[in-house]
Amino acid sequence: MAIGVGAGSEQRASIGVTIIGGQTLCLMLTLLVVPVAYSYLAELESASWASRSSFRWQQLRTSFAKRLGLF
């Protein structure tokens, strides 16, 4: 639909691009963002109450970046 040719293809191309973009965004959210957020929250939940008060946010940011593959 997005790369179609013929009569009326200009009108259908815009909706086709919108559908492809939405599906791609949902795929990225489902396969990347949700699992990373889940593991991030599971790590916070597994920490004891005593260690939560002294939890270093730099360590949390580093582990989050490693999960995303930033370094």
N, C-alpha and C. Protein backbone atom coordinates (compact mmCIF):
# COMPACT_ATOMS: atom_id res chain seq x y z
N MET A 1 0.82 -1.17 0.00
CA MET A 1 0.00 0.00 0.00
C MET A 1 0.88 1.25 0.00
N ALA A 2 1.97 1.23 0.73
CA ALA A 2 2.83 2.40 0.85
C ALA A 2 3.62 2.68 -0.42
N ILE A 3 3.93 1.66 -1.20
CA ILE A 3 4.73 1.86 -2.42
C ILE A 3 3.93 1.53 -3.68
N GLY A 4 2.61 1.55 -3.56
CA GLY A 4 1.76 1.20 -4.69
C GLY A 4 1.81 2.24 -5.80
N VAL A 5 1.51 1.79 -7.00
CA VAL A 5 1.41 2.68 -8.16
C VAL A 5 0.03 2.49 -8.77
N GLY A 6 -0.41 3.50 -9.44
CA GLY A 6 -1.71 3.42 -10.09
C GLY A 6 -2.62 4.52 -9.61
N ALA A 7 -3.88 4.41 -10.04
CA ALA A 7 -4.86 5.44 -9.70
C ALA A 7 -5.15 5.44 -8.20
N GLY A 8 -5.05 6.61 -7.59
CA GLY A 8 -5.34 6.76 -6.18
C GLY A 8 -4.23 6.33 -5.23
N SER A 9 -3.07 6.01 -5.78
CA SER A 9 -2.00 5.53 -4.91
C SER A 9 -1.44 6.63 -4.02
N GLU A 10 -1.57 7.88 -4.42
CA GLU A 10 -1.07 8.98 -3.59
C GLU A 10 -1.86 9.06 -2.28
N GLN A 11 -3.13 8.80 -2.34
CA GLN A 11 -3.95 8.86 -1.13
C GLN A 11 -3.68 7.66 -0.23
N ARG A 12 -3.52 6.51 -0.81
CA ARG A 12 -3.28 5.31 -0.01
C ARG A 12 -1.86 5.23 0.53
N ALA A 13 -0.92 5.93 -0.11
CA ALA A 13 0.48 5.87 0.34
C ALA A 13 0.64 6.47 1.73
N SER A 14 -0.05 7.56 2.02
CA SER A 14 0.12 8.20 3.33
C SER A 14 -0.40 7.31 4.46
N ILE A 15 -1.53 6.67 4.27
CA ILE A 15 -2.04 5.77 5.30
C ILE A 15 -1.16 4.52 5.41
N GLY A 16 -0.59 4.09 4.32
CA GLY A 16 0.32 2.95 4.35
C GLY A 16 1.58 3.24 5.15
N VAL A 17 2.13 4.44 4.97
CA VAL A 17 3.32 4.84 5.73
C VAL A 17 2.98 4.95 7.21
N THR A 18 1.80 5.48 7.52
CA THR A 18 1.37 5.59 8.91
C THR A 18 1.23 4.22 9.56
N ILE A 19 0.65 3.28 8.86
CA ILE A 19 0.48 1.93 9.40
C ILE A 19 1.84 1.27 9.62
N ILE A 20 2.74 1.40 8.66
CA ILE A 20 4.08 0.80 8.80
C ILE A 20 4.82 1.42 9.97
N GLY A 21 4.73 2.74 10.13
CA GLY A 21 5.39 3.41 11.25
C GLY A 21 4.82 2.97 12.59
N GLY A 22 3.50 2.85 12.68
CA GLY A 22 2.87 2.42 13.93
C GLY A 22 3.23 1.00 14.29
N GLN A 23 3.25 0.13 13.31
CA GLN A 23 3.62 -1.25 13.58
C GLN A 23 5.08 -1.38 14.00
N THR A 24 5.95 -0.58 13.39
CA THR A 24 7.36 -0.59 13.76
C THR A 24 7.55 -0.08 15.18
N LEU A 25 6.85 0.99 15.54
CA LEU A 25 6.94 1.53 16.89
C LEU A 25 6.44 0.51 17.92
N CYS A 26 5.35 -0.14 17.65
CA CYS A 26 4.82 -1.16 18.57
C CYS A 26 5.78 -2.33 18.70
N LEU A 27 6.42 -2.71 17.62
CA LEU A 27 7.40 -3.80 17.66
C LEU A 27 8.57 -3.43 18.55
N MET A 28 9.08 -2.21 18.39
CA MET A 28 10.21 -1.77 19.22
C MET A 28 9.81 -1.69 20.69
N LEU A 29 8.64 -1.18 20.97
CA LEU A 29 8.19 -1.10 22.35
C LEU A 29 8.03 -2.48 22.97
N THR A 30 7.47 -3.40 22.21
CA THR A 30 7.21 -4.74 22.72
C THR A 30 8.49 -5.54 22.92
N LEU A 31 9.42 -5.44 21.99
CA LEU A 31 10.61 -6.28 22.05
C LEU A 31 11.78 -5.66 22.80
N LEU A 32 11.81 -4.34 22.93
CA LEU A 32 12.94 -3.70 23.58
C LEU A 32 12.59 -2.99 24.88
N VAL A 33 11.66 -2.08 24.83
CA VAL A 33 11.39 -1.20 25.97
C VAL A 33 10.73 -1.96 27.12
N VAL A 34 9.73 -2.76 26.84
CA VAL A 34 9.01 -3.46 27.90
C VAL A 34 9.91 -4.46 28.64
N PRO A 35 10.70 -5.31 27.97
CA PRO A 35 11.57 -6.23 28.72
C PRO A 35 12.64 -5.50 29.55
N VAL A 36 13.19 -4.43 29.01
CA VAL A 36 14.21 -3.68 29.74
C VAL A 36 13.59 -3.03 30.97
N ALA A 37 12.42 -2.44 30.81
CA ALA A 37 11.74 -1.82 31.95
C ALA A 37 11.36 -2.88 33.00
N TYR A 38 10.94 -4.04 32.55
CA TYR A 38 10.58 -5.12 33.47
C TYR A 38 11.79 -5.57 34.28
N SER A 39 12.92 -5.78 33.63
CA SER A 39 14.11 -6.20 34.35
C SER A 39 14.61 -5.10 35.27
N TYR A 40 14.46 -3.86 34.87
CA TYR A 40 14.84 -2.71 35.69
C TYR A 40 14.00 -2.67 36.97
N LEU A 41 12.71 -2.86 36.84
CA LEU A 41 11.83 -2.86 38.00
C LEU A 41 12.02 -4.12 38.86
N ALA A 42 12.31 -5.25 38.24
CA ALA A 42 12.56 -6.47 39.00
C ALA A 42 13.82 -6.35 39.84
N GLU A 43 14.81 -5.65 39.31
CA GLU A 43 16.04 -5.43 40.06
C GLU A 43 15.77 -4.54 41.28
N LEU A 44 14.93 -3.54 41.11
CA LEU A 44 14.57 -2.69 42.24
C LEU A 44 13.77 -3.46 43.29
N GLU A 45 12.89 -4.34 42.83
CA GLU A 45 12.06 -5.11 43.75
C GLU A 45 12.88 -6.12 44.54
N SER A 46 13.91 -6.65 43.93
CA SER A 46 14.71 -7.67 44.61
C SER A 46 15.64 -7.08 45.67
N ALA A 47 15.88 -5.79 45.63
CA ALA A 47 16.74 -5.16 46.63
C ALA A 47 16.02 -5.11 47.97
N SER A 48 16.75 -5.32 49.04
CA SER A 48 16.14 -5.28 50.37
C SER A 48 15.81 -3.83 50.75
N TRP A 49 14.95 -3.68 51.74
CA TRP A 49 14.54 -2.33 52.15
C TRP A 49 15.71 -1.54 52.69
N ALA A 50 16.63 -2.18 53.37
CA ALA A 50 17.78 -1.47 53.92
C ALA A 50 18.70 -0.97 52.81
N SER A 51 18.86 -1.76 51.79
CA SER A 51 19.75 -1.34 50.70
C SER A 51 19.08 -0.32 49.78
N ARG A 52 17.76 -0.25 49.78
CA ARG A 52 17.08 0.74 48.94
C ARG A 52 17.39 2.16 49.38
N SER A 53 17.54 2.36 50.68
CA SER A 53 17.82 3.71 51.17
C SER A 53 19.21 4.17 50.76
N SER A 54 20.13 3.24 50.63
CA SER A 54 21.50 3.61 50.26
C SER A 54 21.81 3.23 48.81
N PHE A 55 20.77 3.00 48.02
CA PHE A 55 20.95 2.58 46.64
C PHE A 55 21.57 3.70 45.81
N ARG A 56 22.59 3.40 45.10
CA ARG A 56 23.25 4.43 44.30
C ARG A 56 22.63 4.47 42.90
N TRP A 57 22.13 5.64 42.54
CA TRP A 57 21.47 5.79 41.24
C TRP A 57 22.44 5.66 40.08
N GLN A 58 23.71 5.95 40.30
CA GLN A 58 24.70 5.78 39.24
C GLN A 58 24.83 4.31 38.86
N GLN A 59 24.81 3.44 39.85
CA GLN A 59 24.89 2.00 39.59
C GLN A 59 23.66 1.53 38.81
N LEU A 60 22.51 2.05 39.16
CA LEU A 60 21.28 1.69 38.46
C LEU A 60 21.30 2.16 37.01
N ARG A 61 21.77 3.39 36.79
CA ARG A 61 21.86 3.92 35.42
C ARG A 61 22.84 3.11 34.59
N THR A 62 23.95 2.70 35.21
CA THR A 62 24.95 1.91 34.48
C THR A 62 24.39 0.55 34.08
N SER A 63 23.69 -0.11 34.98
CA SER A 63 23.13 -1.41 34.64
C SER A 63 22.05 -1.28 33.57
N PHE A 64 21.29 -0.20 33.62
CA PHE A 64 20.26 0.06 32.61
C PHE A 64 20.89 0.29 31.24
N ALA A 65 21.97 1.04 31.20
CA ALA A 65 22.66 1.31 29.93
C ALA A 65 23.30 0.04 29.37
N LYS A 66 23.81 -0.82 30.25
CA LYS A 66 24.39 -2.08 29.78
C LYS A 66 23.32 -2.99 29.17
N ARG A 67 22.13 -2.99 29.77
CA ARG A 67 21.04 -3.80 29.21
C ARG A 67 20.62 -3.30 27.84
N LEU A 68 20.69 -1.99 27.64
CA LEU A 68 20.33 -1.43 26.34
C LEU A 68 21.45 -1.61 25.32
N GLY A 69 22.63 -1.98 25.79
CA GLY A 69 23.75 -2.18 24.88
C GLY A 69 24.44 -0.89 24.51
N LEU A 70 24.36 0.14 25.37
CA LEU A 70 24.99 1.41 25.06
C LEU A 70 26.49 1.38 25.28
N PHE A 71 26.95 0.49 26.15
CA PHE A 71 28.38 0.29 26.33
C PHE A 71 28.65 -1.03 26.99
